[in-house]
Amino acid sequence: MIYKSLFLLVFANMFNQAYQMQTITCPKWVPGTNEVLPVGVTLSPQLELENRVRCYCEVVKQKEQECIARHVPANLCKARTAQWVEDNLRLQQPLMNTNGVMRLPQIDRMINVSP
């Protein structure tokens, strides 16, 4: 996985220079509006994720289509999009393996029983 990312990074830079492709940057929007956040204002992790998803839908896919329309090879445009997704939408923690048997935590509960 790391080798694939390094490979794409090195060769993508060469192709980016040859085709004058720029890295994709996204603004941070105020939630629910089209206004850009002022400098120094941060978003909660949930709003930050929503902002990145909005960026993918509104900016990244549009840049990919513009790239293809400029007759840059489609695989390079898609690789740039895939690299953006890997950098910005990847899970921070790996998913747990649930194929094996997992012990349930023991919880003590009190139950009222009426006769």
PDB file of N, CA and C in Angstrom:
ATOM      1  N   MET A   1       0.828  -1.191   0.000  1.00  0.00           N
ATOM      2  CA  MET A   1       0.000   0.000   0.000  1.00  0.00           C
ATOM      3  C   MET A   1       0.867   1.248   0.000  1.00  0.00           C
ATOM      4  N   ILE A   2       1.864   1.279   0.877  1.00  0.00           N
ATOM      5  CA  ILE A   2       2.743   2.452   0.941  1.00  0.00           C
ATOM      6  C   ILE A   2       3.554   2.558  -0.336  1.00  0.00           C
ATOM      7  N   TYR A   3       4.014   1.422  -0.855  1.00  0.00           N
ATOM      8  CA  TYR A   3       4.802   1.454  -2.081  1.00  0.00           C
ATOM      9  C   TYR A   3       3.968   1.958  -3.254  1.00  0.00           C
ATOM     10  N   LYS A   4       2.714   1.562  -3.276  1.00  0.00           N
ATOM     11  CA  LYS A   4       1.827   2.025  -4.345  1.00  0.00           C
ATOM     12  C   LYS A   4       1.652   3.531  -4.267  1.00  0.00           C
ATOM     13  N   SER A   5       1.466   4.056  -3.062  1.00  0.00           N
ATOM     14  CA  SER A   5       1.304   5.505  -2.886  1.00  0.00           C
ATOM     15  C   SER A   5       2.566   6.244  -3.295  1.00  0.00           C
ATOM     16  N   LEU A   6       3.734   5.719  -2.893  1.00  0.00           N
ATOM     17  CA  LEU A   6       5.000   6.361  -3.274  1.00  0.00           C
ATOM     18  C   LEU A   6       5.197   6.315  -4.784  1.00  0.00           C
ATOM     19  N   PHE A   7       4.877   5.189  -5.390  1.00  0.00           N
ATOM     20  CA  PHE A   7       4.996   5.050  -6.836  1.00  0.00           C
ATOM     21  C   PHE A   7       4.123   6.082  -7.541  1.00  0.00           C
ATOM     22  N   LEU A   8       2.858   6.167  -7.108  1.00  0.00           N
ATOM     23  CA  LEU A   8       1.954   7.143  -7.715  1.00  0.00           C
ATOM     24  C   LEU A   8       2.436   8.565  -7.495  1.00  0.00           C
ATOM     25  N   LEU A   9       2.961   8.839  -6.314  1.00  0.00           N
ATOM     26  CA  LEU A   9       3.416  10.182  -6.000  1.00  0.00           C
ATOM     27  C   LEU A   9       4.579  10.601  -6.894  1.00  0.00           C
ATOM     28  N   VAL A  10       5.559   9.722  -7.059  1.00  0.00           N
ATOM     29  CA  VAL A  10       6.738  10.049  -7.868  1.00  0.00           C
ATOM     30  C   VAL A  10       6.359  10.225  -9.333  1.00  0.00           C
ATOM     31  N   PHE A  11       5.640   9.249  -9.888  1.00  0.00           N
ATOM     32  CA  PHE A  11       5.307   9.334 -11.299  1.00  0.00           C
ATOM     33  C   PHE A  11       4.208  10.346 -11.568  1.00  0.00           C
ATOM     34  N   ALA A  12       3.319  10.555 -10.626  1.00  0.00           N
ATOM     35  CA  ALA A  12       2.280  11.568 -10.813  1.00  0.00           C
ATOM     36  C   ALA A  12       2.898  12.950 -10.903  1.00  0.00           C
ATOM     37  N   ASN A  13       3.969  13.205 -10.150  1.00  0.00           N
ATOM     38  CA  ASN A  13       4.621  14.507 -10.228  1.00  0.00           C
ATOM     39  C   ASN A  13       5.198  14.756 -11.614  1.00  0.00           C
ATOM     40  N   MET A  14       5.791  13.735 -12.218  1.00  0.00           N
ATOM     41  CA  MET A  14       6.330  13.897 -13.571  1.00  0.00           C
ATOM     42  C   MET A  14       5.210  14.203 -14.566  1.00  0.00           C
ATOM     43  N   PHE A  15       4.101  13.440 -14.461  1.00  0.00           N
ATOM     44  CA  PHE A  15       3.000  13.661 -15.385  1.00  0.00           C
ATOM     45  C   PHE A  15       2.286  14.979 -15.085  1.00  0.00           C
ATOM     46  N   ASN A  16       2.206  15.357 -13.814  1.00  0.00           N
ATOM     47  CA  ASN A  16       1.593  16.632 -13.463  1.00  0.00           C
ATOM     48  C   ASN A  16       2.339  17.783 -14.121  1.00  0.00           C
ATOM     49  N   GLN A  17       3.662  17.704 -14.134  1.00  0.00           N
ATOM     50  CA  GLN A  17       4.451  18.753 -14.766  1.00  0.00           C
ATOM     51  C   GLN A  17       4.280  18.718 -16.278  1.00  0.00           C
ATOM     52  N   ALA A  18       4.250  17.532 -16.862  1.00  0.00           N
ATOM     53  CA  ALA A  18       4.132  17.416 -18.312  1.00  0.00           C
ATOM     54  C   ALA A  18       2.772  17.924 -18.802  1.00  0.00           C
ATOM     55  N   TYR A  19       1.706  17.619 -18.071  1.00  0.00           N
ATOM     56  CA  TYR A  19       0.363  18.017 -18.481  1.00  0.00           C
ATOM     57  C   TYR A  19      -0.133  19.255 -17.724  1.00  0.00           C
ATOM     58  N   GLN A  20       0.722  19.879 -16.947  1.00  0.00           N
ATOM     59  CA  GLN A  20       0.392  21.067 -16.162  1.00  0.00           C
ATOM     60  C   GLN A  20      -0.841  20.833 -15.284  1.00  0.00           C
ATOM     61  N   MET A  21      -0.867  19.665 -14.649  1.00  0.00           N
ATOM     62  CA  MET A  21      -1.949  19.347 -13.723  1.00  0.00           C
ATOM     63  C   MET A  21      -1.561  19.871 -12.345  1.00  0.00           C
ATOM     64  N   GLN A  22      -2.489  20.550 -11.695  1.00  0.00           N
ATOM     65  CA  GLN A  22      -2.223  21.093 -10.371  1.00  0.00           C
ATOM     66  C   GLN A  22      -2.856  20.190  -9.325  1.00  0.00           C
ATOM     67  N   THR A  23      -2.319  20.264  -8.112  1.00  0.00           N
ATOM     68  CA  THR A  23      -2.925  19.494  -7.032  1.00  0.00           C
ATOM     69  C   THR A  23      -4.292  20.089  -6.720  1.00  0.00           C
ATOM     70  N   ILE A  24      -5.163  19.261  -6.256  1.00  0.00           N
ATOM     71  CA  ILE A  24      -6.531  19.690  -5.959  1.00  0.00           C
ATOM     72  C   ILE A  24      -6.573  20.255  -4.550  1.00  0.00           C
ATOM     73  N   THR A  25      -7.026  21.485  -4.430  1.00  0.00           N
ATOM     74  CA  THR A  25      -7.206  22.105  -3.120  1.00  0.00           C
ATOM     75  C   THR A  25      -8.664  22.504  -2.983  1.00  0.00           C
ATOM     76  N   CYS A  26      -9.163  22.375  -1.780  1.00  0.00           N
ATOM     77  CA  CYS A  26     -10.565  22.674  -1.525  1.00  0.00           C
ATOM     78  C   CYS A  26     -10.692  23.742  -0.446  1.00  0.00           C
ATOM     79  N   PRO A  27     -11.669  24.610  -0.593  1.00  0.00           N
ATOM     80  CA  PRO A  27     -11.929  25.558   0.485  1.00  0.00           C
ATOM     81  C   PRO A  27     -12.658  24.861   1.621  1.00  0.00           C
ATOM     82  N   LYS A  28     -12.621  25.453   2.784  1.00  0.00           N
ATOM     83  CA  LYS A  28     -13.429  24.961   3.899  1.00  0.00           C
ATOM     84  C   LYS A  28     -14.639  25.879   3.992  1.00  0.00           C
ATOM     85  N   TRP A  29     -15.800  25.283   3.751  1.00  0.00           N
ATOM     86  CA  TRP A  29     -17.024  26.063   3.732  1.00  0.00           C
ATOM     87  C   TRP A  29     -17.652  26.134   5.117  1.00  0.00           C
ATOM     88  N   VAL A  30     -18.394  27.217   5.344  1.00  0.00           N
ATOM     89  CA  VAL A  30     -19.250  27.306   6.525  1.00  0.00           C
ATOM     90  C   VAL A  30     -20.369  26.299   6.299  1.00  0.00           C
ATOM     91  N   PRO A  31     -20.652  25.421   7.267  1.00  0.00           N
ATOM     92  CA  PRO A  31     -21.659  24.370   7.056  1.00  0.00           C
ATOM     93  C   PRO A  31     -23.007  24.936   6.614  1.00  0.00           C
ATOM     94  N   GLY A  32     -23.545  24.362   5.540  1.00  0.00           N
ATOM     95  CA  GLY A  32     -24.855  24.735   5.043  1.00  0.00           C
ATOM     96  C   GLY A  32     -24.871  25.970   4.160  1.00  0.00           C
ATOM     97  N   THR A  33     -23.694  26.549   3.868  1.00  0.00           N
ATOM     98  CA  THR A  33     -23.636  27.750   3.026  1.00  0.00           C
ATOM     99  C   THR A  33     -22.550  27.578   1.972  1.00  0.00           C
ATOM    100  N   ASN A  34     -22.416  28.582   1.126  1.00  0.00           N
ATOM    101  CA  ASN A  34     -21.342  28.594   0.138  1.00  0.00           C
ATOM    102  C   ASN A  34     -20.230  29.552   0.543  1.00  0.00           C
ATOM    103  N   GLU A  35     -20.274  30.054   1.765  1.00  0.00           N
ATOM    104  CA  GLU A  35     -19.246  30.970   2.255  1.00  0.00           C
ATOM    105  C   GLU A  35     -18.046  30.182   2.755  1.00  0.00           C
ATOM    106  N   VAL A  36     -16.859  30.744   2.529  1.00  0.00           N
ATOM    107  CA  VAL A  36     -15.627  30.108   2.975  1.00  0.00           C
ATOM    108  C   VAL A  36     -15.382  30.482   4.430  1.00  0.00           C
ATOM    109  N   LEU A  37     -14.887  29.517   5.212  1.00  0.00           N
ATOM    110  CA  LEU A  37     -14.593  29.772   6.623  1.00  0.00           C
ATOM    111  C   LEU A  37     -13.514  30.837   6.768  1.00  0.00           C
ATOM    112  N   PRO A  38     -13.656  31.722   7.748  1.00  0.00           N
ATOM    113  CA  PRO A  38     -12.580  32.686   8.012  1.00  0.00           C
ATOM    114  C   PRO A  38     -11.323  31.965   8.508  1.00  0.00           C
ATOM    115  N   VAL A  39     -10.186  32.617   8.338  1.00  0.00           N
ATOM    116  CA  VAL A  39      -8.914  32.041   8.780  1.00  0.00           C
ATOM    117  C   VAL A  39      -8.932  31.887  10.293  1.00  0.00           C
ATOM    118  N   GLY A  40      -8.455  30.750  10.777  1.00  0.00           N
ATOM    119  CA  GLY A  40      -8.382  30.503  12.211  1.00  0.00           C
ATOM    120  C   GLY A  40      -9.584  29.779  12.782  1.00  0.00           C
ATOM    121  N   VAL A  41     -10.649  29.621  12.005  1.00  0.00           N
ATOM    122  CA  VAL A  41     -11.843  28.909  12.469  1.00  0.00           C
ATOM    123  C   VAL A  41     -11.688  27.447  12.074  1.00  0.00           C
ATOM    124  N   THR A  42     -11.938  26.559  13.029  1.00  0.00           N
ATOM    125  CA  THR A  42     -11.836  25.128  12.750  1.00  0.00           C
ATOM    126  C   THR A  42     -13.213  24.479  12.854  1.00  0.00           C
ATOM    127  N   LEU A  43     -13.326  23.352  12.219  1.00  0.00           N
ATOM    128  CA  LEU A  43     -14.576  22.587  12.239  1.00  0.00           C
ATOM    129  C   LEU A  43     -14.427  21.373  13.148  1.00  0.00           C
ATOM    130  N   SER A  44     -15.557  20.885  13.644  1.00  0.00           N
ATOM    131  CA  SER A  44     -15.541  19.642  14.414  1.00  0.00           C
ATOM    132  C   SER A  44     -15.179  18.504  13.454  1.00  0.00           C
ATOM    133  N   PRO A  45     -14.726  17.362  13.970  1.00  0.00           N
ATOM    134  CA  PRO A  45     -14.371  16.238  13.080  1.00  0.00           C
ATOM    135  C   PRO A  45     -15.517  15.817  12.158  1.00  0.00           C
ATOM    136  N   GLN A  46     -16.747  15.830  12.660  1.00  0.00           N
ATOM    137  CA  GLN A  46     -17.900  15.446  11.835  1.00  0.00           C
ATOM    138  C   GLN A  46     -18.110  16.448  10.698  1.00  0.00           C
ATOM    139  N   LEU A  47     -18.052  17.747  11.019  1.00  0.00           N
ATOM    140  CA  LEU A  47     -18.231  18.770   9.986  1.00  0.00           C
ATOM    141  C   LEU A  47     -17.057  18.787   9.013  1.00  0.00           C
ATOM    142  N   GLU A  48     -15.867  18.476   9.502  1.00  0.00           N
ATOM    143  CA  GLU A  48     -14.692  18.401   8.633  1.00  0.00           C
ATOM    144  C   GLU A  48     -14.866  17.280   7.609  1.00  0.00           C
ATOM    145  N   LEU A  49     -15.368  16.129   8.049  1.00  0.00           N
ATOM    146  CA  LEU A  49     -15.625  15.017   7.135  1.00  0.00           C
ATOM    147  C   LEU A  49     -16.692  15.399   6.111  1.00  0.00           C
ATOM    148  N   GLU A  50     -17.768  16.045   6.575  1.00  0.00           N
ATOM    149  CA  GLU A  50     -18.814  16.487   5.657  1.00  0.00           C
ATOM    150  C   GLU A  50     -18.258  17.480   4.643  1.00  0.00           C
ATOM    151  N   ASN A  51     -17.352  18.347   5.085  1.00  0.00           N
ATOM    152  CA  ASN A  51     -16.729  19.315   4.192  1.00  0.00           C
ATOM    153  C   ASN A  51     -15.897  18.609   3.121  1.00  0.00           C
ATOM    154  N   ARG A  52     -15.172  17.566   3.508  1.00  0.00           N
ATOM    155  CA  ARG A  52     -14.353  16.821   2.547  1.00  0.00           C
ATOM    156  C   ARG A  52     -15.215  16.072   1.542  1.00  0.00           C
ATOM    157  N   VAL A  53     -16.334  15.514   2.006  1.00  0.00           N
ATOM    158  CA  VAL A  53     -17.242  14.815   1.092  1.00  0.00           C
ATOM    159  C   VAL A  53     -17.847  15.818   0.108  1.00  0.00           C
ATOM    160  N   ARG A  54     -18.227  16.984   0.605  1.00  0.00           N
ATOM    161  CA  ARG A  54     -18.757  18.034  -0.269  1.00  0.00           C
ATOM    162  C   ARG A  54     -17.694  18.448  -1.288  1.00  0.00           C
ATOM    163  N   CYS A  55     -16.452  18.566  -0.844  1.00  0.00           N
ATOM    164  CA  CYS A  55     -15.358  18.922  -1.733  1.00  0.00           C
ATOM    165  C   CYS A  55     -15.201  17.868  -2.824  1.00  0.00           C
ATOM    166  N   TYR A  56     -15.278  16.602  -2.457  1.00  0.00           N
ATOM    167  CA  TYR A  56     -15.158  15.534  -3.452  1.00  0.00           C
ATOM    168  C   TYR A  56     -16.252  15.661  -4.510  1.00  0.00           C
ATOM    169  N   CYS A  57     -17.479  15.896  -4.050  1.00  0.00           N
ATOM    170  CA  CYS A  57     -18.607  15.959  -4.983  1.00  0.00           C
ATOM    171  C   CYS A  57     -18.563  17.209  -5.864  1.00  0.00           C
ATOM    172  N   GLU A  58     -18.198  18.352  -5.277  1.00  0.00           N
ATOM    173  CA  GLU A  58     -18.295  19.613  -6.004  1.00  0.00           C
ATOM    174  C   GLU A  58     -17.000  20.047  -6.678  1.00  0.00           C
ATOM    175  N   VAL A  59     -15.857  19.675  -6.135  1.00  0.00           N
ATOM    176  CA  VAL A  59     -14.593  20.181  -6.670  1.00  0.00           C
ATOM    177  C   VAL A  59     -13.790  19.068  -7.347  1.00  0.00           C
ATOM    178  N   VAL A  60     -13.549  17.980  -6.634  1.00  0.00           N
ATOM    179  CA  VAL A  60     -12.642  16.946  -7.129  1.00  0.00           C
ATOM    180  C   VAL A  60     -13.181  16.298  -8.402  1.00  0.00           C
ATOM    181  N   LYS A  61     -14.433  15.891  -8.401  1.00  0.00           N
ATOM    182  CA  LYS A  61     -15.000  15.248  -9.597  1.00  0.00           C
ATOM    183  C   LYS A  61     -15.074  16.231 -10.766  1.00  0.00           C
ATOM    184  N   GLN A  62     -15.334  17.499 -10.483  1.00  0.00           N
ATOM    185  CA  GLN A  62     -15.362  18.503 -11.540  1.00  0.00           C
ATOM    186  C   GLN A  62     -13.966  18.693 -12.143  1.00  0.00           C
ATOM    187  N   LYS A  63     -12.928  18.723 -11.287  1.00  0.00           N
ATOM    188  CA  LYS A  63     -11.554  18.841 -11.779  1.00  0.00           C
ATOM    189  C   LYS A  63     -11.175  17.623 -12.620  1.00  0.00           C
ATOM    190  N   GLU A  64     -11.660  16.455 -12.218  1.00  0.00           N
ATOM    191  CA  GLU A  64     -11.386  15.247 -12.993  1.00  0.00           C
ATOM    192  C   GLU A  64     -11.999  15.352 -14.388  1.00  0.00           C
ATOM    193  N   GLN A  65     -13.237  15.817 -14.468  1.00  0.00           N
ATOM    194  CA  GLN A  65     -13.901  15.968 -15.764  1.00  0.00           C
ATOM    195  C   GLN A  65     -13.204  17.023 -16.624  1.00  0.00           C
ATOM    196  N   GLU A  66     -12.770  18.134 -16.004  1.00  0.00           N
ATOM    197  CA  GLU A  66     -12.036  19.163 -16.744  1.00  0.00           C
ATOM    198  C   GLU A  66     -10.717  18.608 -17.268  1.00  0.00           C
ATOM    199  N   CYS A  67     -10.063  17.807 -16.465  1.00  0.00           N
ATOM    200  CA  CYS A  67      -8.793  17.182 -16.848  1.00  0.00           C
ATOM    201  C   CYS A  67      -8.986  16.296 -18.072  1.00  0.00           C
ATOM    202  N   ILE A  68     -10.013  15.478 -18.054  1.00  0.00           N
ATOM    203  CA  ILE A  68     -10.295  14.583 -19.188  1.00  0.00           C
ATOM    204  C   ILE A  68     -10.687  15.397 -20.416  1.00  0.00           C
ATOM    205  N   ALA A  69     -11.432  16.493 -20.215  1.00  0.00           N
ATOM    206  CA  ALA A  69     -11.835  17.343 -21.334  1.00  0.00           C
ATOM    207  C   ALA A  69     -10.633  18.027 -21.994  1.00  0.00           C
ATOM    208  N   ARG A  70      -9.531  18.225 -21.248  1.00  0.00           N
ATOM    209  CA  ARG A  70      -8.317  18.823 -21.811  1.00  0.00           C
ATOM    210  C   ARG A  70      -7.464  17.777 -22.529  1.00  0.00           C
ATOM    211  N   HIS A  71      -7.986  16.581 -22.699  1.00  0.00           N
ATOM    212  CA  HIS A  71      -7.338  15.477 -23.417  1.00  0.00           C
ATOM    213  C   HIS A  71      -6.084  14.971 -22.714  1.00  0.00           C
ATOM    214  N   VAL A  72      -6.074  15.096 -21.390  1.00  0.00           N
ATOM    215  CA  VAL A  72      -5.045  14.435 -20.587  1.00  0.00           C
ATOM    216  C   VAL A  72      -5.494  12.985 -20.469  1.00  0.00           C
ATOM    217  N   PRO A  73      -4.576  12.015 -20.526  1.00  0.00           N
ATOM    218  CA  PRO A  73      -5.007  10.610 -20.398  1.00  0.00           C
ATOM    219  C   PRO A  73      -5.883  10.393 -19.162  1.00  0.00           C
ATOM    220  N   ALA A  74      -6.988   9.711 -19.384  1.00  0.00           N
ATOM    221  CA  ALA A  74      -7.982   9.531 -18.325  1.00  0.00           C
ATOM    222  C   ALA A  74      -7.406   8.820 -17.112  1.00  0.00           C
ATOM    223  N   ASN A  75      -6.476   7.885 -17.332  1.00  0.00           N
ATOM    224  CA  ASN A  75      -5.925   7.162 -16.185  1.00  0.00           C
ATOM    225  C   ASN A  75      -5.122   8.096 -15.274  1.00  0.00           C
ATOM    226  N   LEU A  76      -4.507   9.145 -15.826  1.00  0.00           N
ATOM    227  CA  LEU A  76      -3.797  10.114 -14.985  1.00  0.00           C
ATOM    228  C   LEU A  76      -4.773  10.965 -14.188  1.00  0.00           C
ATOM    229  N   CYS A  77      -5.855  11.368 -14.836  1.00  0.00           N
ATOM    230  CA  CYS A  77      -6.867  12.167 -14.135  1.00  0.00           C
ATOM    231  C   CYS A  77      -7.504  11.354 -13.008  1.00  0.00           C
ATOM    232  N   LYS A  78      -7.808  10.105 -13.301  1.00  0.00           N
ATOM    233  CA  LYS A  78      -8.417   9.246 -12.283  1.00  0.00           C
ATOM    234  C   LYS A  78      -7.426   8.920 -11.166  1.00  0.00           C
ATOM    235  N   ALA A  79      -6.150   8.804 -11.503  1.00  0.00           N
ATOM    236  CA  ALA A  79      -5.137   8.552 -10.477  1.00  0.00           C
ATOM    237  C   ALA A  79      -5.006   9.749  -9.542  1.00  0.00           C
ATOM    238  N   ARG A  80      -5.104  10.950 -10.096  1.00  0.00           N
ATOM    239  CA  ARG A  80      -5.048  12.150  -9.251  1.00  0.00           C
ATOM    240  C   ARG A  80      -6.252  12.187  -8.309  1.00  0.00           C
ATOM    241  N   THR A  81      -7.419  11.833  -8.833  1.00  0.00           N
ATOM    242  CA  THR A  81      -8.619  11.780  -7.992  1.00  0.00           C
ATOM    243  C   THR A  81      -8.468  10.708  -6.924  1.00  0.00           C
ATOM    244  N   ALA A  82      -7.973   9.546  -7.302  1.00  0.00           N
ATOM    245  CA  ALA A  82      -7.789   8.449  -6.339  1.00  0.00           C
ATOM    246  C   ALA A  82      -6.793   8.846  -5.254  1.00  0.00           C
ATOM    247  N   GLN A  83      -5.749   9.571  -5.627  1.00  0.00           N
ATOM    248  CA  GLN A  83      -4.768  10.015  -4.642  1.00  0.00           C
ATOM    249  C   GLN A  83      -5.396  11.011  -3.672  1.00  0.00           C
ATOM    250  N   TRP A  84      -6.261  11.897  -4.184  1.00  0.00           N
ATOM    251  CA  TRP A  84      -6.949  12.856  -3.309  1.00  0.00           C
ATOM    252  C   TRP A  84      -7.842  12.099  -2.319  1.00  0.00           C
ATOM    253  N   VAL A  85      -8.561  11.104  -2.813  1.00  0.00           N
ATOM    254  CA  VAL A  85      -9.435  10.311  -1.939  1.00  0.00           C
ATOM    255  C   VAL A  85      -8.606   9.602  -0.881  1.00  0.00           C
ATOM    256  N   GLU A  86      -7.484   9.019  -1.279  1.00  0.00           N
ATOM    257  CA  GLU A  86      -6.611   8.319  -0.327  1.00  0.00           C
ATOM    258  C   GLU A  86      -6.101   9.275   0.743  1.00  0.00           C
ATOM    259  N   ASP A  87      -5.750  10.485   0.353  1.00  0.00           N
ATOM    260  CA  ASP A  87      -5.202  11.460   1.300  1.00  0.00           C
ATOM    261  C   ASP A  87      -6.257  12.071   2.211  1.00  0.00           C
ATOM    262  N   ASN A  88      -7.491  12.211   1.719  1.00  0.00           N
ATOM    263  CA  ASN A  88      -8.483  12.991   2.455  1.00  0.00           C
ATOM    264  C   ASN A  88      -9.668  12.216   3.016  1.00  0.00           C
ATOM    265  N   LEU A  89      -9.973  11.070   2.465  1.00  0.00           N
ATOM    266  CA  LEU A  89     -11.162  10.335   2.922  1.00  0.00           C
ATOM    267  C   LEU A  89     -10.839   8.966   3.507  1.00  0.00           C
ATOM    268  N   ARG A  90      -9.580   8.653   3.666  1.00  0.00           N
ATOM    269  CA  ARG A  90      -9.181   7.353   4.217  1.00  0.00           C
ATOM    270  C   ARG A  90      -9.512   7.302   5.706  1.00  0.00           C
ATOM    271  N   LEU A  91      -9.883   6.126   6.172  1.00  0.00           N
ATOM    272  CA  LEU A  91     -10.159   5.943   7.595  1.00  0.00           C
ATOM    273  C   LEU A  91      -8.886   6.138   8.401  1.00  0.00           C
ATOM    274  N   GLN A  92      -9.005   6.825   9.522  1.00  0.00           N
ATOM    275  CA  GLN A  92      -7.841   7.058  10.373  1.00  0.00           C
ATOM    276  C   GLN A  92      -7.422   5.794  11.114  1.00  0.00           C
ATOM    277  N   GLN A  93      -8.387   4.967  11.501  1.00  0.00           N
ATOM    278  CA  GLN A  93      -8.100   3.726  12.216  1.00  0.00           C
ATOM    279  C   GLN A  93      -8.577   2.561  11.356  1.00  0.00           C
ATOM    280  N   PRO A  94      -7.800   1.500  11.302  1.00  0.00           N
ATOM    281  CA  PRO A  94      -8.238   0.353  10.495  1.00  0.00           C
ATOM    282  C   PRO A  94      -9.484  -0.291  11.106  1.00  0.00           C
ATOM    283  N   LEU A  95     -10.266  -0.898  10.243  1.00  0.00           N
ATOM    284  CA  LEU A  95     -11.465  -1.589  10.713  1.00  0.00           C
ATOM    285  C   LEU A  95     -11.072  -2.823  11.502  1.00  0.00           C
ATOM    286  N   MET A  96     -11.893  -3.158  12.489  1.00  0.00           N
ATOM    287  CA  MET A  96     -11.619  -4.345  13.294  1.00  0.00           C
ATOM    288  C   MET A  96     -12.013  -5.592  12.513  1.00  0.00           C
ATOM    289  N   ASN A  97     -11.254  -6.643  12.687  1.00  0.00           N
ATOM    290  CA  ASN A  97     -11.565  -7.918  12.071  1.00  0.00           C
ATOM    291  C   ASN A  97     -12.637  -8.600  12.916  1.00  0.00           C
ATOM    292  N   THR A  98     -13.809  -8.806  12.332  1.00  0.00           N
ATOM    293  CA  THR A  98     -14.909  -9.422  13.079  1.00  0.00           C
ATOM    294  C   THR A  98     -15.206 -10.836  12.587  1.00  0.00           C
ATOM    295  N   ASN A  99     -14.273 -11.413  11.844  1.00  0.00           N
ATOM    296  CA  ASN A  99     -14.503 -12.777  11.354  1.00  0.00           C
ATOM    297  C   ASN A  99     -14.419 -13.803  12.476  1.00  0.00           C
ATOM    298  N   GLY A 100     -13.600 -13.543  13.478  1.00  0.00           N
ATOM    299  CA  GLY A 100     -13.447 -14.477  14.576  1.00  0.00           C
ATOM    300  C   GLY A 100     -14.528 -14.269  15.633  1.00  0.00           C
ATOM    301  N   VAL A 101     -14.522 -15.122  16.630  1.00  0.00           N
ATOM    302  CA  VAL A 101     -15.483 -15.021  17.719  1.00  0.00           C
ATOM    303  C   VAL A 101     -15.003 -13.927  18.673  1.00  0.00           C
ATOM    304  N   MET A 102     -15.878 -13.011  18.981  1.00  0.00           N
ATOM    305  CA  MET A 102     -15.530 -11.929  19.902  1.00  0.00           C
ATOM    306  C   MET A 102     -16.280 -12.137  21.210  1.00  0.00           C
ATOM    307  N   ARG A 103     -15.586 -11.941  22.312  1.00  0.00           N
ATOM    308  CA  ARG A 103     -16.241 -12.058  23.607  1.00  0.00           C
ATOM    309  C   ARG A 103     -17.046 -10.804  23.872  1.00  0.00           C
ATOM    310  N   LEU A 104     -18.252 -11.008  24.298  1.00  0.00           N
ATOM    311  CA  LEU A 104     -19.082  -9.877  24.668  1.00  0.00           C
ATOM    312  C   LEU A 104     -18.712  -9.428  26.069  1.00  0.00           C
ATOM    313  N   PRO A 105     -18.727  -8.123  26.322  1.00  0.00           N
ATOM    314  CA  PRO A 105     -18.413  -7.663  27.674  1.00  0.00           C
ATOM    315  C   PRO A 105     -19.517  -8.079  28.638  1.00  0.00           C
ATOM    316  N   GLN A 106     -19.124  -8.388  29.850  1.00  0.00           N
ATOM    317  CA  GLN A 106     -20.099  -8.790  30.852  1.00  0.00           C
ATOM    318  C   GLN A 106     -20.661  -7.535  31.506  1.00  0.00           C
ATOM    319  N   ILE A 107     -21.963  -7.417  31.468  1.00  0.00           N
ATOM    320  CA  ILE A 107     -22.633  -6.249  32.028  1.00  0.00           C
ATOM    321  C   ILE A 107     -23.608  -6.719  33.095  1.00  0.00           C
ATOM    322  N   ASP A 108     -23.520  -6.135  34.267  1.00  0.00           N
ATOM    323  CA  ASP A 108     -24.461  -6.445  35.347  1.00  0.00           C
ATOM    324  C   ASP A 108     -25.648  -5.500  35.240  1.00  0.00           C
ATOM    325  N   ARG A 109     -26.843  -6.070  35.226  1.00  0.00           N
ATOM    326  CA  ARG A 109     -28.052  -5.241  35.165  1.00  0.00           C
ATOM    327  C   ARG A 109     -28.994  -5.664  36.259  1.00  0.00           C
ATOM    328  N   MET A 110     -29.668  -4.674  36.786  1.00  0.00           N
ATOM    329  CA  MET A 110     -30.685  -4.964  37.807  1.00  0.00           C
ATOM    330  C   MET A 110     -32.049  -4.927  37.114  1.00  0.00           C
ATOM    331  N   ILE A 111     -32.875  -5.940  37.429  1.00  0.00           N
ATOM    332  CA  ILE A 111     -34.188  -6.027  36.832  1.00  0.00           C
ATOM    333  C   ILE A 111     -35.200  -6.102  37.964  1.00  0.00           C
ATOM    334  N   ASN A 112     -36.219  -5.241  37.871  1.00  0.00           N
ATOM    335  CA  ASN A 112     -37.301  -5.283  38.848  1.00  0.00           C
ATOM    336  C   ASN A 112     -38.364  -6.271  38.374  1.00  0.00           C
ATOM    337  N   VAL A 113     -38.718  -7.174  39.292  1.00  0.00           N
ATOM    338  CA  VAL A 113     -39.754  -8.159  38.947  1.00  0.00           C
ATOM    339  C   VAL A 113     -40.874  -7.975  39.942  1.00  0.00           C
ATOM    340  N   SER A 114     -42.065  -7.748  39.450  1.00  0.00           N
ATOM    341  CA  SER A 114     -43.229  -7.624  40.339  1.00  0.00           C
ATOM    342  C   SER A 114     -44.026  -8.911  40.337  1.00  0.00           C
ATOM    343  N   PRO A 115     -44.476  -9.323  41.527  1.00  0.00           N
ATOM    344  CA  PRO A 115     -45.256 -10.574  41.589  1.00  0.00           C
ATOM    345  C   PRO A 115     -46.665 -10.422  41.042  1.00  0.00           C
TER     346      PRO A 115
END
